[in-house]
Amino acid sequence: MPRLNSEPICKKRAPQPPSPRGLAPGVVLGGMRDEFPVTCPFCGEQVEIYIEPDARGTFVQDCEVCCNPWRVRISGQDDDRVVHVTRADGSE
């Protein structure tokens, strides 16, 4: 029997990238958080960023909303890790 419209019966979703290490978002490894809510210092959007459990120090990452660069500073260790995000555009 012919179909009356041209839409596919099953709409395929674009494949989603696997979460780091194949784990579901928000999974805690060894008691440590691996996703942290941060607020972009440029656009003010709150997003969650993944931080490797063994990451230490400072690195630069772009905002996934406005694409401006952040300086991400990780302090503490294990359960006491804290993530600070500031501008990394030379204005700091």
N, C-alpha and C. Protein backbone atom coordinates (compact mmCIF):
# COMPACT_ATOMS: atom_id res chain seq x y z
N MET A 1 0.84 -1.17 0.00
CA MET A 1 0.00 0.00 0.00
C MET A 1 0.90 1.25 0.00
N PRO A 2 0.70 2.19 -0.88
CA PRO A 2 1.55 3.37 -0.96
C PRO A 2 1.34 4.29 0.24
N ARG A 3 2.41 4.95 0.63
CA ARG A 3 2.32 5.90 1.73
C ARG A 3 1.81 7.22 1.20
N LEU A 4 1.08 7.95 2.03
CA LEU A 4 0.48 9.20 1.59
C LEU A 4 1.39 10.40 1.73
N ASN A 5 2.38 10.32 2.60
CA ASN A 5 3.30 11.45 2.72
C ASN A 5 4.72 10.97 2.53
N SER A 6 5.64 11.89 2.41
CA SER A 6 7.01 11.51 2.10
C SER A 6 7.91 11.42 3.33
N GLU A 7 7.37 11.60 4.53
CA GLU A 7 8.19 11.51 5.72
C GLU A 7 8.58 10.07 5.99
N PRO A 8 9.81 9.84 6.42
CA PRO A 8 10.21 8.47 6.72
C PRO A 8 9.43 7.94 7.92
N ILE A 9 9.26 6.65 7.95
CA ILE A 9 8.54 6.02 9.05
C ILE A 9 9.31 6.20 10.35
N CYS A 10 10.60 6.01 10.27
CA CYS A 10 11.45 6.12 11.46
C CYS A 10 12.46 7.23 11.21
N LYS A 11 12.38 8.27 12.00
CA LYS A 11 13.35 9.35 11.88
C LYS A 11 14.57 8.99 12.71
N LYS A 12 15.72 8.97 12.07
CA LYS A 12 16.95 8.63 12.78
C LYS A 12 17.51 9.88 13.43
N ARG A 13 17.94 9.72 14.66
CA ARG A 13 18.61 10.80 15.36
C ARG A 13 20.07 10.77 14.98
N ALA A 14 20.66 11.93 14.97
CA ALA A 14 22.10 12.00 14.71
C ALA A 14 22.81 11.25 15.83
N PRO A 15 23.85 10.50 15.49
CA PRO A 15 24.55 9.76 16.55
C PRO A 15 25.14 10.72 17.57
N GLN A 16 24.99 10.38 18.82
CA GLN A 16 25.51 11.20 19.91
C GLN A 16 26.93 10.73 20.22
N PRO A 17 27.84 11.67 20.45
CA PRO A 17 29.20 11.26 20.80
C PRO A 17 29.19 10.56 22.15
N PRO A 18 30.03 9.57 22.30
CA PRO A 18 30.06 8.88 23.60
C PRO A 18 30.61 9.82 24.65
N SER A 19 30.11 9.66 25.86
CA SER A 19 30.63 10.49 26.93
C SER A 19 32.05 10.02 27.23
N PRO A 20 32.85 10.86 27.85
CA PRO A 20 34.22 10.47 28.15
C PRO A 20 34.28 9.15 28.88
N ARG A 21 35.18 8.31 28.45
CA ARG A 21 35.36 6.97 29.02
C ARG A 21 34.12 6.10 28.90
N GLY A 22 33.17 6.47 28.05
CA GLY A 22 31.98 5.66 27.84
C GLY A 22 31.00 5.69 28.99
N LEU A 23 31.13 6.65 29.88
CA LEU A 23 30.26 6.73 31.05
C LEU A 23 29.14 7.73 30.82
N ALA A 24 28.05 7.52 31.49
CA ALA A 24 26.93 8.45 31.41
C ALA A 24 27.32 9.77 32.06
N PRO A 25 26.73 10.89 31.59
CA PRO A 25 27.05 12.19 32.19
C PRO A 25 26.79 12.20 33.68
N GLY A 26 27.67 12.85 34.41
CA GLY A 26 27.51 12.98 35.85
C GLY A 26 27.99 11.79 36.66
N VAL A 27 28.57 10.79 35.98
CA VAL A 27 29.04 9.62 36.71
C VAL A 27 30.21 10.03 37.60
N VAL A 28 30.23 9.50 38.79
CA VAL A 28 31.30 9.79 39.72
C VAL A 28 32.28 8.63 39.70
N LEU A 29 33.55 8.93 39.49
CA LEU A 29 34.59 7.91 39.48
C LEU A 29 35.37 7.99 40.78
N GLY A 30 35.42 6.91 41.51
CA GLY A 30 36.22 6.88 42.72
C GLY A 30 35.88 7.98 43.70
N GLY A 31 34.63 8.41 43.74
CA GLY A 31 34.21 9.44 44.66
C GLY A 31 34.43 10.84 44.14
N MET A 32 35.02 10.99 42.95
CA MET A 32 35.30 12.32 42.42
C MET A 32 34.26 12.70 41.39
N ARG A 33 33.86 13.98 41.42
CA ARG A 33 32.96 14.49 40.39
C ARG A 33 33.78 14.69 39.13
N ASP A 34 33.17 14.47 37.97
CA ASP A 34 33.90 14.71 36.73
C ASP A 34 33.22 15.75 35.86
N GLU A 35 32.04 16.22 36.23
CA GLU A 35 31.37 17.30 35.52
C GLU A 35 31.08 18.41 36.52
N PHE A 36 31.35 19.64 36.07
CA PHE A 36 31.21 20.78 36.96
C PHE A 36 30.37 21.86 36.29
N PRO A 37 29.38 22.41 36.99
CA PRO A 37 28.63 23.54 36.42
C PRO A 37 29.48 24.80 36.53
N VAL A 38 29.60 25.53 35.43
CA VAL A 38 30.34 26.79 35.42
C VAL A 38 29.51 27.83 34.68
N THR A 39 29.77 29.09 34.96
CA THR A 39 29.09 30.19 34.28
C THR A 39 30.10 30.91 33.40
N CYS A 40 29.76 31.06 32.13
CA CYS A 40 30.66 31.73 31.19
C CYS A 40 30.84 33.18 31.61
N PRO A 41 32.10 33.65 31.73
CA PRO A 41 32.33 35.04 32.11
C PRO A 41 32.03 36.02 30.98
N PHE A 42 31.73 35.54 29.79
CA PHE A 42 31.39 36.40 28.66
C PHE A 42 29.88 36.51 28.47
N CYS A 43 29.22 35.36 28.25
CA CYS A 43 27.79 35.39 27.90
C CYS A 43 26.86 35.11 29.09
N GLY A 44 27.40 34.64 30.21
CA GLY A 44 26.59 34.39 31.40
C GLY A 44 25.83 33.08 31.40
N GLU A 45 25.98 32.27 30.36
CA GLU A 45 25.29 30.98 30.31
C GLU A 45 25.95 30.00 31.27
N GLN A 46 25.12 29.19 31.93
CA GLN A 46 25.66 28.14 32.79
C GLN A 46 25.72 26.85 31.98
N VAL A 47 26.89 26.24 31.96
CA VAL A 47 27.09 24.98 31.24
C VAL A 47 27.86 24.03 32.15
N GLU A 48 27.83 22.75 31.83
CA GLU A 48 28.61 21.78 32.56
C GLU A 48 29.81 21.40 31.72
N ILE A 49 30.98 21.36 32.34
CA ILE A 49 32.17 20.94 31.63
C ILE A 49 32.72 19.68 32.28
N TYR A 50 33.28 18.81 31.45
CA TYR A 50 33.88 17.57 31.91
C TYR A 50 35.35 17.83 32.22
N ILE A 51 35.78 17.41 33.37
CA ILE A 51 37.18 17.53 33.77
C ILE A 51 37.68 16.12 34.08
N GLU A 52 38.74 15.71 33.40
CA GLU A 52 39.34 14.40 33.68
C GLU A 52 39.64 14.28 35.17
N PRO A 53 39.42 13.11 35.75
CA PRO A 53 39.67 12.94 37.18
C PRO A 53 41.10 13.26 37.60
N ASP A 54 42.07 13.06 36.72
CA ASP A 54 43.46 13.31 37.09
C ASP A 54 43.97 14.67 36.62
N ALA A 55 43.09 15.53 36.10
CA ALA A 55 43.49 16.85 35.61
C ALA A 55 43.84 17.77 36.78
N ARG A 56 44.90 18.53 36.60
CA ARG A 56 45.34 19.49 37.61
C ARG A 56 45.79 20.76 36.90
N GLY A 57 45.81 21.88 37.61
CA GLY A 57 46.36 23.10 37.05
C GLY A 57 45.38 23.93 36.27
N THR A 58 45.87 24.52 35.17
CA THR A 58 45.10 25.46 34.38
C THR A 58 45.15 25.08 32.91
N PHE A 59 44.03 25.29 32.20
CA PHE A 59 43.99 25.09 30.76
C PHE A 59 42.99 26.06 30.16
N VAL A 60 43.02 26.22 28.84
CA VAL A 60 42.10 27.11 28.13
C VAL A 60 41.08 26.26 27.38
N GLN A 61 39.82 26.66 27.47
CA GLN A 61 38.72 25.98 26.79
C GLN A 61 37.74 27.03 26.31
N ASP A 62 37.14 26.82 25.13
CA ASP A 62 36.16 27.76 24.60
C ASP A 62 34.78 27.46 25.15
N CYS A 63 33.98 28.51 25.34
CA CYS A 63 32.58 28.36 25.74
C CYS A 63 31.83 27.68 24.61
N GLU A 64 31.02 26.70 24.93
CA GLU A 64 30.26 26.00 23.89
C GLU A 64 29.08 26.82 23.40
N VAL A 65 28.75 27.91 24.08
CA VAL A 65 27.64 28.77 23.67
C VAL A 65 28.13 29.94 22.82
N CYS A 66 29.09 30.72 23.35
CA CYS A 66 29.53 31.93 22.64
C CYS A 66 30.92 31.81 22.01
N CYS A 67 31.62 30.71 22.25
CA CYS A 67 32.93 30.40 21.66
C CYS A 67 34.07 31.29 22.14
N ASN A 68 33.87 32.07 23.18
CA ASN A 68 34.97 32.86 23.73
C ASN A 68 35.83 31.98 24.63
N PRO A 69 37.12 32.32 24.77
CA PRO A 69 38.04 31.46 25.54
C PRO A 69 37.95 31.68 27.04
N TRP A 70 37.97 30.56 27.75
CA TRP A 70 38.00 30.58 29.21
C TRP A 70 39.37 30.11 29.68
N ARG A 71 39.78 30.58 30.84
CA ARG A 71 40.90 29.98 31.55
C ARG A 71 40.25 29.16 32.66
N VAL A 72 40.44 27.86 32.61
CA VAL A 72 39.85 26.95 33.60
C VAL A 72 40.95 26.56 34.59
N ARG A 73 40.71 26.85 35.86
CA ARG A 73 41.69 26.54 36.91
C ARG A 73 41.08 25.49 37.83
N ILE A 74 41.81 24.41 38.02
CA ILE A 74 41.37 23.33 38.90
C ILE A 74 42.21 23.39 40.17
N SER A 75 41.55 23.47 41.31
CA SER A 75 42.27 23.45 42.57
C SER A 75 41.68 22.35 43.45
N GLY A 76 42.44 21.94 44.43
CA GLY A 76 42.01 20.85 45.29
C GLY A 76 42.24 19.51 44.62
N GLN A 77 41.81 18.47 45.28
CA GLN A 77 41.96 17.14 44.72
C GLN A 77 40.87 16.22 45.25
N ASP A 78 40.70 15.12 44.56
CA ASP A 78 39.70 14.11 44.89
C ASP A 78 38.32 14.74 45.06
N ASP A 79 37.68 14.53 46.21
CA ASP A 79 36.32 15.05 46.43
C ASP A 79 36.29 16.56 46.62
N ASP A 80 37.44 17.17 46.85
CA ASP A 80 37.50 18.60 47.13
C ASP A 80 37.94 19.43 45.93
N ARG A 81 37.81 18.89 44.71
CA ARG A 81 38.20 19.66 43.54
C ARG A 81 37.22 20.81 43.32
N VAL A 82 37.78 21.97 42.97
CA VAL A 82 37.00 23.16 42.68
C VAL A 82 37.47 23.68 41.33
N VAL A 83 36.52 24.11 40.49
CA VAL A 83 36.84 24.62 39.16
C VAL A 83 36.46 26.09 39.10
N HIS A 84 37.42 26.93 38.69
CA HIS A 84 37.20 28.37 38.53
C HIS A 84 37.35 28.70 37.04
N VAL A 85 36.44 29.50 36.50
CA VAL A 85 36.49 29.89 35.10
C VAL A 85 36.59 31.42 35.02
N THR A 86 37.61 31.89 34.28
CA THR A 86 37.77 33.33 34.06
C THR A 86 38.01 33.56 32.57
N ARG A 87 38.01 34.82 32.17
CA ARG A 87 38.28 35.18 30.78
C ARG A 87 39.72 34.83 30.43
N ALA A 88 39.93 34.38 29.19
CA ALA A 88 41.28 34.09 28.71
C ALA A 88 41.54 34.85 27.42
N ASP A 89 41.02 36.07 27.34
CA ASP A 89 41.15 36.86 26.11
C ASP A 89 42.18 37.98 26.26
N GLY A 90 42.94 37.95 27.35
CA GLY A 90 43.94 38.98 27.59
C GLY A 90 43.43 40.15 28.39
N SER A 91 42.14 40.18 28.72
CA SER A 91 41.57 41.32 29.46
C SER A 91 41.62 41.10 30.97
N GLU A 92 42.04 39.93 31.40
CA GLU A 92 42.04 39.66 32.83
C GLU A 92 43.23 40.23 33.55
